[in-house]
C-alpha atoms as a PDB file:
ATOM      1  CA  UNK A   1       0.000   0.000   0.000  1.00  0.00           C
ATOM      2  CA  UNK A   2       1.292   3.444  -0.901  1.00  0.00           C
ATOM      3  CA  UNK A   3       1.877   5.906   1.888  1.00  0.00           C
ATOM      4  CA  UNK A   4      -1.063   8.255   2.372  1.00  0.00           C
ATOM      5  CA  UNK A   5      -0.880  12.029   2.462  1.00  0.00           C
ATOM      6  CA  UNK A   6      -2.974  14.667   4.182  1.00  0.00           C
ATOM      7  CA  UNK A   7      -2.985  18.325   3.180  1.00  0.00           C
ATOM      8  CA  UNK A   8      -4.498  20.825   5.634  1.00  0.00           C
ATOM      9  CA  UNK A   9      -5.301  23.777   3.415  1.00  0.00           C
ATOM     10  CA  UNK A  10      -6.129  27.413   4.090  1.00  0.00           C
ATOM     11  CA  UNK A  11      -8.619  28.747   1.540  1.00  0.00           C
ATOM     12  CA  UNK A  12      -8.088  32.386   2.464  1.00  0.00           C
ATOM     13  CA  UNK A  13     -10.879  34.775   3.405  1.00  0.00           C
ATOM     14  CA  UNK A  14     -13.180  34.287   0.442  1.00  0.00           C
ATOM     15  CA  UNK A  15     -12.823  34.577  -3.297  1.00  0.00           C
ATOM     16  CA  UNK A  16     -10.528  32.337  -5.338  1.00  0.00           C
ATOM     17  CA  UNK A  17      -8.142  35.241  -5.985  1.00  0.00           C
ATOM     18  CA  UNK A  18      -7.000  34.910  -2.349  1.00  0.00           C
ATOM     19  CA  UNK A  19      -6.087  31.225  -2.773  1.00  0.00           C
ATOM     20  CA  UNK A  20      -2.327  30.639  -2.921  1.00  0.00           C
ATOM     21  CA  UNK A  21      -0.837  28.643  -5.817  1.00  0.00           C
ATOM     22  CA  UNK A  22       0.377  26.039  -3.305  1.00  0.00           C
ATOM     23  CA  UNK A  23      -3.137  25.615  -1.914  1.00  0.00           C
ATOM     24  CA  UNK A  24      -4.622  25.380  -5.404  1.00  0.00           C
ATOM     25  CA  UNK A  25      -2.140  22.656  -6.382  1.00  0.00           C
ATOM     26  CA  UNK A  26      -2.873  20.688  -3.195  1.00  0.00           C
ATOM     27  CA  UNK A  27      -6.616  20.852  -3.838  1.00  0.00           C
ATOM     28  CA  UNK A  28      -6.090  19.549  -7.365  1.00  0.00           C
ATOM     29  CA  UNK A  29      -3.929  16.669  -6.125  1.00  0.00           C
ATOM     30  CA  UNK A  30      -6.425  15.417  -3.536  1.00  0.00           C
ATOM     31  CA  UNK A  31      -8.630  12.397  -4.119  1.00  0.00           C
ATOM     32  CA  UNK A  32     -10.992  13.453  -1.347  1.00  0.00           C
ATOM     33  CA  UNK A  33     -11.873  16.674   0.444  1.00  0.00           C
ATOM     34  CA  UNK A  34     -13.000  17.065   4.055  1.00  0.00           C
ATOM     35  CA  UNK A  35     -14.199  20.219   5.743  1.00  0.00           C
ATOM     36  CA  UNK A  36     -16.901  22.335   7.320  1.00  0.00           C
ATOM     37  CA  UNK A  37     -19.675  22.474   4.730  1.00  0.00           C
ATOM     38  CA  UNK A  38     -19.575  26.260   3.980  1.00  0.00           C
ATOM     39  CA  UNK A  39     -15.821  26.055   3.370  1.00  0.00           C
ATOM     40  CA  UNK A  40     -16.126  23.037   1.082  1.00  0.00           C
ATOM     41  CA  UNK A  41     -18.716  24.963  -0.904  1.00  0.00           C
ATOM     42  CA  UNK A  42     -15.976  27.436  -1.885  1.00  0.00           C
ATOM     43  CA  UNK A  43     -13.994  24.699  -3.654  1.00  0.00           C
ATOM     44  CA  UNK A  44     -14.995  23.956  -7.265  1.00  0.00           C
ATOM     45  CA  UNK A  45     -16.316  20.435  -7.804  1.00  0.00           C
ATOM     46  CA  UNK A  46     -13.852  18.203  -9.647  1.00  0.00           C
ATOM     47  CA  UNK A  47     -14.843  14.991 -11.370  1.00  0.00           C
ATOM     48  CA  UNK A  48     -13.734  11.927  -9.410  1.00  0.00           C
ATOM     49  CA  UNK A  49     -12.934  13.900  -6.257  1.00  0.00           C
ATOM     50  CA  UNK A  50     -14.994  12.797  -3.234  1.00  0.00           C
ATOM     51  CA  UNK A  51     -16.323  15.433  -0.824  1.00  0.00           C
ATOM     52  CA  UNK A  52     -17.070  14.843   2.865  1.00  0.00           C
ATOM     53  CA  UNK A  53     -18.774  17.893   4.405  1.00  0.00           C
ATOM     54  CA  UNK A  54     -19.509  18.061   8.127  1.00  0.00           C
ATOM     55  CA  UNK A  55     -21.018  20.428  10.626  1.00  0.00           C
ATOM     56  CA  UNK A  56     -19.332  22.983  12.855  1.00  0.00           C
ATOM     57  CA  UNK A  57     -17.980  21.785  16.238  1.00  0.00           C
ATOM     58  CA  UNK A  58     -17.101  18.394  14.723  1.00  0.00           C
ATOM     59  CA  UNK A  59     -13.423  19.183  14.286  1.00  0.00           C
ATOM     60  CA  UNK A  60     -11.942  16.086  15.942  1.00  0.00           C
ATOM     61  CA  UNK A  61     -14.405  13.719  14.260  1.00  0.00           C
ATOM     62  CA  UNK A  62     -13.661  15.384  10.923  1.00  0.00           C
ATOM     63  CA  UNK A  63      -9.913  15.193  11.544  1.00  0.00           C
ATOM     64  CA  UNK A  64     -10.099  11.513  12.489  1.00  0.00           C
ATOM     65  CA  UNK A  65     -12.082  10.642   9.376  1.00  0.00           C
ATOM     66  CA  UNK A  66      -9.613  12.444   7.114  1.00  0.00           C
ATOM     67  CA  UNK A  67      -6.618  10.827   8.838  1.00  0.00           C
ATOM     68  CA  UNK A  68      -8.146   7.365   8.570  1.00  0.00           C
ATOM     69  CA  UNK A  69      -8.834   7.960   4.881  1.00  0.00           C
ATOM     70  CA  UNK A  70      -5.249   9.112   4.282  1.00  0.00           C
ATOM     71  CA  UNK A  71      -3.924   6.115   6.247  1.00  0.00           C
ATOM     72  CA  UNK A  72      -5.589   3.869   3.656  1.00  0.00           C
ATOM     73  CA  UNK A  73      -3.098   5.218   1.128  1.00  0.00           C
ATOM     74  CA  UNK A  74      -5.135   8.090  -0.313  1.00  0.00           C
ATOM     75  CA  UNK A  75      -4.187  11.721  -0.878  1.00  0.00           C
ATOM     76  CA  UNK A  76      -6.676  13.705   1.189  1.00  0.00           C
ATOM     77  CA  UNK A  77      -7.244  17.427   1.744  1.00  0.00           C
ATOM     78  CA  UNK A  78      -8.766  19.050   4.815  1.00  0.00           C
ATOM     79  CA  UNK A  79      -9.934  22.590   4.072  1.00  0.00           C
ATOM     80  CA  UNK A  80     -10.176  25.566   6.417  1.00  0.00           C
ATOM     81  CA  UNK A  81     -11.177  29.141   5.845  1.00  0.00           C
ATOM     82  CA  UNK A  82      -8.366  31.667   6.184  1.00  0.00           C
ATOM     83  CA  UNK A  83      -5.205  30.033   7.504  1.00  0.00           C
ATOM     84  CA  UNK A  84      -5.515  26.479   8.881  1.00  0.00           C
ATOM     85  CA  UNK A  85      -3.212  27.250  11.798  1.00  0.00           C
ATOM     86  CA  UNK A  86      -5.205  30.229  13.128  1.00  0.00           C
ATOM     87  CA  UNK A  87      -8.201  28.989  15.168  1.00  0.00           C
ATOM     88  CA  UNK A  88      -8.755  26.339  12.509  1.00  0.00           C
ATOM     89  CA  UNK A  89      -8.196  22.730  11.509  1.00  0.00           C
ATOM     90  CA  UNK A  90      -4.402  22.318  11.708  1.00  0.00           C
ATOM     91  CA  UNK A  91      -4.446  22.146  15.514  1.00  0.00           C
ATOM     92  CA  UNK A  92      -7.409  19.739  15.483  1.00  0.00           C
ATOM     93  CA  UNK A  93      -5.633  17.427  13.030  1.00  0.00           C
ATOM     94  CA  UNK A  94      -2.449  17.374  15.095  1.00  0.00           C
ATOM     95  CA  UNK A  95      -4.465  16.842  18.289  1.00  0.00           C
ATOM     96  CA  UNK A  96      -6.077  13.822  16.626  1.00  0.00           C
ATOM     97  CA  UNK A  97      -2.668  12.522  15.534  1.00  0.00           C
ATOM     98  CA  UNK A  98      -1.337  12.868  19.084  1.00  0.00           C
ATOM     99  CA  UNK A  99      -4.212  10.787  20.486  1.00  0.00           C
ATOM    100  CA  UNK A 100      -4.623   8.426  17.547  1.00  0.00           C
ATOM    101  CA  UNK A 101      -2.995   5.234  16.252  1.00  0.00           C
ATOM    102  CA  UNK A 102       0.683   5.076  15.352  1.00  0.00           C
ATOM    103  CA  UNK A 103      -0.106   4.858  11.636  1.00  0.00           C
ATOM    104  CA  UNK A 104      -1.390   8.432  11.698  1.00  0.00           C
ATOM    105  CA  UNK A 105       2.018   9.673  12.880  1.00  0.00           C
ATOM    106  CA  UNK A 106       3.616   8.062   9.822  1.00  0.00           C
ATOM    107  CA  UNK A 107       1.465   9.982   7.352  1.00  0.00           C
ATOM    108  CA  UNK A 108       2.900  12.642   5.088  1.00  0.00           C
ATOM    109  CA  UNK A 109       1.263  15.746   6.579  1.00  0.00           C
ATOM    110  CA  UNK A 110       1.471  19.150   4.863  1.00  0.00           C
ATOM    111  CA  UNK A 111       0.012  22.311   6.406  1.00  0.00           C
ATOM    112  CA  UNK A 112      -0.672  24.749   3.548  1.00  0.00           C
ATOM    113  CA  UNK A 113      -0.983  28.344   4.771  1.00  0.00           C
ATOM    114  CA  UNK A 114      -3.598  30.850   3.709  1.00  0.00           C
ATOM    115  CA  UNK A 115      -4.528  34.488   4.290  1.00  0.00           C
ATOM    116  CA  UNK A 116      -6.189  34.668   7.680  1.00  0.00           C
ATOM    117  CA  UNK A 117      -9.113  37.038   8.334  1.00  0.00           C
ATOM    118  CA  UNK A 118      -7.228  39.568  10.445  1.00  0.00           C
ATOM    119  CA  UNK A 119      -4.672  40.122   7.664  1.00  0.00           C
ATOM    120  CA  UNK A 120      -7.398  40.591   5.063  1.00  0.00           C
ATOM    121  CA  UNK A 121      -9.254  43.066   7.304  1.00  0.00           C
ATOM    122  CA  UNK A 122      -6.042  44.936   8.162  1.00  0.00           C
ATOM    123  CA  UNK A 123      -5.097  45.265   4.491  1.00  0.00           C
ATOM    124  CA  UNK A 124      -8.510  46.724   3.641  1.00  0.00           C
ATOM    125  CA  UNK A 125      -8.149  49.649   6.028  1.00  0.00           C
ATOM    126  CA  UNK A 126      -4.411  50.323   6.171  1.00  0.00           C
ATOM    127  CA  UNK A 127      -1.929  48.899   8.652  1.00  0.00           C
ATOM    128  CA  UNK A 128      -3.542  48.543  12.107  1.00  0.00           C
ATOM    129  CA  UNK A 129      -1.247  45.585  12.837  1.00  0.00           C
ATOM    130  CA  UNK A 130       1.886  47.550  11.966  1.00  0.00           C
ATOM    131  CA  UNK A 131       3.302  47.114  15.482  1.00  0.00           C
ATOM    132  CA  UNK A 132       2.904  44.372  18.120  1.00  0.00           C
ATOM    133  CA  UNK A 133      -0.489  42.657  18.126  1.00  0.00           C
ATOM    134  CA  UNK A 134      -2.291  39.533  19.308  1.00  0.00           C
ATOM    135  CA  UNK A 135      -5.247  37.444  18.164  1.00  0.00           C
ATOM    136  CA  UNK A 136      -7.944  36.264  20.586  1.00  0.00           C
ATOM    137  CA  UNK A 137     -10.932  34.024  19.963  1.00  0.00           C
ATOM    138  CA  UNK A 138     -13.930  35.258  21.938  1.00  0.00           C
ATOM    139  CA  UNK A 139     -15.527  31.811  21.839  1.00  0.00           C
ATOM    140  CA  UNK A 140     -15.727  30.133  25.234  1.00  0.00           C
ATOM    141  CA  UNK A 141     -16.426  26.680  23.764  1.00  0.00           C
ATOM    142  CA  UNK A 142     -12.864  25.507  24.492  1.00  0.00           C
ATOM    143  CA  UNK A 143     -11.811  27.864  27.286  1.00  0.00           C
ATOM    144  CA  UNK A 144     -13.591  29.615  30.156  1.00  0.00           C
ATOM    145  CA  UNK A 145     -14.890  33.143  29.653  1.00  0.00           C
ATOM    146  CA  UNK A 146     -12.939  34.255  32.727  1.00  0.00           C
ATOM    147  CA  UNK A 147      -9.700  33.429  30.890  1.00  0.00           C
ATOM    148  CA  UNK A 148     -10.828  35.468  27.887  1.00  0.00           C
ATOM    149  CA  UNK A 149     -11.548  38.450  30.145  1.00  0.00           C
ATOM    150  CA  UNK A 150      -8.091  38.149  31.730  1.00  0.00           C
ATOM    151  CA  UNK A 151      -6.371  38.025  28.348  1.00  0.00           C
ATOM    152  CA  UNK A 152      -8.325  41.033  27.069  1.00  0.00           C
ATOM    153  CA  UNK A 153      -7.377  43.087  30.109  1.00  0.00           C
ATOM    154  CA  UNK A 154      -3.699  42.137  30.001  1.00  0.00           C
ATOM    155  CA  UNK A 155      -3.410  42.627  26.235  1.00  0.00           C
ATOM    156  CA  UNK A 156      -4.898  46.105  26.563  1.00  0.00           C
ATOM    157  CA  UNK A 157      -2.564  46.966  29.443  1.00  0.00           C
ATOM    158  CA  UNK A 158       0.422  45.729  27.417  1.00  0.00           C
ATOM    159  CA  UNK A 159      -0.462  48.008  24.505  1.00  0.00           C
ATOM    160  CA  UNK A 160      -1.202  45.338  21.893  1.00  0.00           C
ATOM    161  CA  UNK A 161      -3.526  45.886  18.983  1.00  0.00           C
ATOM    162  CA  UNK A 162      -5.982  42.960  19.068  1.00  0.00           C
ATOM    163  CA  UNK A 163      -7.788  40.890  16.468  1.00  0.00           C
ATOM    164  CA  UNK A 164     -10.979  39.155  17.609  1.00  0.00           C
ATOM    165  CA  UNK A 165     -12.139  35.929  15.996  1.00  0.00           C
ATOM    166  CA  UNK A 166     -15.514  34.270  16.726  1.00  0.00           C
ATOM    167  CA  UNK A 167     -16.862  37.487  18.237  1.00  0.00           C
ATOM    168  CA  UNK A 168     -20.524  36.526  18.690  1.00  0.00           C
ATOM    169  CA  UNK A 169     -22.978  33.681  18.263  1.00  0.00           C
ATOM    170  CA  UNK A 170     -26.591  32.904  19.154  1.00  0.00           C
ATOM    171  CA  UNK A 171     -25.331  31.108  22.271  1.00  0.00           C
ATOM    172  CA  UNK A 172     -23.297  34.111  23.491  1.00  0.00           C
ATOM    173  CA  UNK A 173     -24.864  37.315  22.197  1.00  0.00           C
ATOM    174  CA  UNK A 174     -23.683  39.503  25.102  1.00  0.00           C
ATOM    175  CA  UNK A 175     -19.994  38.602  25.300  1.00  0.00           C
ATOM    176  CA  UNK A 176     -18.738  41.079  22.707  1.00  0.00           C
ATOM    177  CA  UNK A 177     -20.373  43.978  24.554  1.00  0.00           C
ATOM    178  CA  UNK A 178     -18.730  42.701  27.731  1.00  0.00           C
ATOM    179  CA  UNK A 179     -15.376  42.596  25.934  1.00  0.00           C
ATOM    180  CA  UNK A 180     -15.782  46.211  24.811  1.00  0.00           C
ATOM    181  CA  UNK A 181     -16.673  47.260  28.363  1.00  0.00           C
ATOM    182  CA  UNK A 182     -13.463  45.646  29.633  1.00  0.00           C
ATOM    183  CA  UNK A 183     -11.417  47.444  26.970  1.00  0.00           C
ATOM    184  CA  UNK A 184     -13.063  50.803  27.646  1.00  0.00           C
ATOM    185  CA  UNK A 185     -11.808  50.538  31.237  1.00  0.00           C
ATOM    186  CA  UNK A 186      -8.236  50.093  29.963  1.00  0.00           C
ATOM    187  CA  UNK A 187      -7.962  52.062  26.719  1.00  0.00           C
ATOM    188  CA  UNK A 188      -8.685  55.590  25.450  1.00  0.00           C
ATOM    189  CA  UNK A 189     -12.205  56.039  24.106  1.00  0.00           C
ATOM    190  CA  UNK A 190     -10.755  57.192  20.766  1.00  0.00           C
ATOM    191  CA  UNK A 191      -8.983  53.907  19.940  1.00  0.00           C
ATOM    192  CA  UNK A 192     -10.206  52.757  16.495  1.00  0.00           C
ATOM    193  CA  UNK A 193     -12.227  49.554  16.262  1.00  0.00           C
ATOM    194  CA  UNK A 194     -12.488  47.946  12.821  1.00  0.00           C
ATOM    195  CA  UNK A 195     -15.366  45.636  11.948  1.00  0.00           C
ATOM    196  CA  UNK A 196     -14.555  43.612   8.843  1.00  0.00           C
ATOM    197  CA  UNK A 197     -17.429  41.412   7.741  1.00  0.00           C
ATOM    198  CA  UNK A 198     -17.009  38.775   5.021  1.00  0.00           C
ATOM    199  CA  UNK A 199     -13.848  40.410   3.705  1.00  0.00           C
ATOM    200  CA  UNK A 200     -12.984  38.935   0.335  1.00  0.00           C
ATOM    201  CA  UNK A 201     -16.574  37.969  -0.475  1.00  0.00           C
ATOM    202  CA  UNK A 202     -19.344  39.751  -2.396  1.00  0.00           C
ATOM    203  CA  UNK A 203     -21.160  40.774   0.820  1.00  0.00           C
ATOM    204  CA  UNK A 204     -18.049  42.379   2.338  1.00  0.00           C
ATOM    205  CA  UNK A 205     -18.623  45.293   4.739  1.00  0.00           C
ATOM    206  CA  UNK A 206     -16.061  47.464   6.534  1.00  0.00           C
ATOM    207  CA  UNK A 207     -16.752  49.853   9.389  1.00  0.00           C
ATOM    208  CA  UNK A 208     -14.430  51.851  11.670  1.00  0.00           C
ATOM    209  CA  UNK A 209     -15.687  53.406  14.901  1.00  0.00           C
ATOM    210  CA  UNK A 210     -14.032  54.698  18.086  1.00  0.00           C
ATOM    211  CA  UNK A 211     -13.996  52.279  21.002  1.00  0.00           C
ATOM    212  CA  UNK A 212     -16.480  54.531  22.813  1.00  0.00           C
ATOM    213  CA  UNK A 213     -19.065  53.723  20.103  1.00  0.00           C
ATOM    214  CA  UNK A 214     -18.272  50.043  19.488  1.00  0.00           C
ATOM    215  CA  UNK A 215     -21.228  47.738  20.162  1.00  0.00           C
ATOM    216  CA  UNK A 216     -21.826  44.031  19.901  1.00  0.00           C
ATOM    217  CA  UNK A 217     -24.667  44.322  17.384  1.00  0.00           C
ATOM    218  CA  UNK A 218     -22.143  45.632  14.828  1.00  0.00           C
ATOM    219  CA  UNK A 219     -20.705  42.120  14.403  1.00  0.00           C
ATOM    220  CA  UNK A 220     -21.782  38.597  13.559  1.00  0.00           C
ATOM    221  CA  UNK A 221     -19.875  35.330  13.167  1.00  0.00           C
ATOM    222  CA  UNK A 222     -18.665  36.408   9.711  1.00  0.00           C
ATOM    223  CA  UNK A 223     -16.945  39.436  11.269  1.00  0.00           C
ATOM    224  CA  UNK A 224     -13.321  39.795  12.289  1.00  0.00           C
ATOM    225  CA  UNK A 225     -12.671  42.745  14.595  1.00  0.00           C
ATOM    226  CA  UNK A 226      -9.434  44.647  15.057  1.00  0.00           C
ATOM    227  CA  UNK A 227      -9.059  46.897  18.095  1.00  0.00           C
ATOM    228  CA  UNK A 228      -6.184  49.334  17.850  1.00  0.00           C
ATOM    229  CA  UNK A 229      -3.669  50.189  20.523  1.00  0.00           C
ATOM    230  CA  UNK A 230      -3.401  53.617  22.176  1.00  0.00           C
ATOM    231  CA  UNK A 231      -0.884  54.518  19.426  1.00  0.00           C
ATOM    232  CA  UNK A 232      -3.171  53.565  16.513  1.00  0.00           C
ATOM    233  CA  UNK A 233      -4.070  56.550  14.345  1.00  0.00           C
ATOM    234  CA  UNK A 234      -6.488  57.612  11.615  1.00  0.00           C
ATOM    235  CA  UNK A 235      -5.083  59.392   8.578  1.00  0.00           C
ATOM    236  CA  UNK A 236      -7.888  61.349   6.937  1.00  0.00           C
ATOM    237  CA  UNK A 237      -7.940  61.640   3.120  1.00  0.00           C
ATOM    238  CA  UNK A 238     -10.163  63.982   1.080  1.00  0.00           C
ATOM    239  CA  UNK A 239     -12.903  61.987  -0.622  1.00  0.00           C
ATOM    240  CA  UNK A 240     -11.402  58.644   0.447  1.00  0.00           C
ATOM    241  CA  UNK A 241     -11.758  56.376   3.499  1.00  0.00           C
ATOM    242  CA  UNK A 242      -9.386  57.191   6.333  1.00  0.00           C
ATOM    243  CA  UNK A 243      -6.330  54.982   6.708  1.00  0.00           C
ATOM    244  CA  UNK A 244      -5.965  53.189  10.042  1.00  0.00           C
ATOM    245  CA  UNK A 245      -2.417  52.444  11.103  1.00  0.00           C
ATOM    246  CA  UNK A 246      -0.341  51.621  14.137  1.00  0.00           C
ATOM    247  CA  UNK A 247       3.092  53.268  13.932  1.00  0.00           C
ATOM    248  CA  UNK A 248       6.086  50.956  13.777  1.00  0.00           C
ATOM    249  CA  UNK A 249       7.763  52.735  16.675  1.00  0.00           C
ATOM    250  CA  UNK A 250       6.567  52.687  20.299  1.00  0.00           C
ATOM    251  CA  UNK A 251       7.864  53.531  23.748  1.00  0.00           C
ATOM    252  CA  UNK A 252       9.804  56.660  22.805  1.00  0.00           C
ATOM    253  CA  UNK A 253      10.158  59.197  25.592  1.00  0.00           C
END
């Protein structure tokens, strides 16, 4: 039996123009595709290529199925939106390998990077991540909300710009407002907050407001949020959207 291979592929934020050549080649080489159903829907159907969609919150089951398929000798692709290593399937696949049978550790595994949402949002409005920054998932499915609150507070105190993934859901509609309340206690009211919804797709929407005016209803699960640091600035331009950027230099007296 030939040795199987598993690609874990980042599809980027939306349209095919954001797909890297490496990711495109890996998708073409795969005999079977696995992934969350909305992400699989972004991949063109190819004759003879099996597709195995699954629901959200089934990451380990999905990873195990793809690994077992690859262990049979097949070339398999697991797809993620954005970058597979940023709150996505690469960690789930490796977690499954760690807990799974020895044959999974022998597989040829390739993590294929993609453009993650915070980079797409940042590029649309300027350079808000031009200095030190961090990314935080606001989902408490895999960690307690108290830990999220602690990280928000400490990141704000440390002067990081922040990118928020998974900002709201039907199960936690109030947590984003709570996050903004925490940040308002630590940061100037004028700090820019960028709401980037569905960046890279036809229904893309961008909005920039000061932290004082940021509210949870401005986001949904298709939104990535960037909160600037106290140094983040707006550069106004006549007849054009303002540029948001965080200067490269900090801490000067």
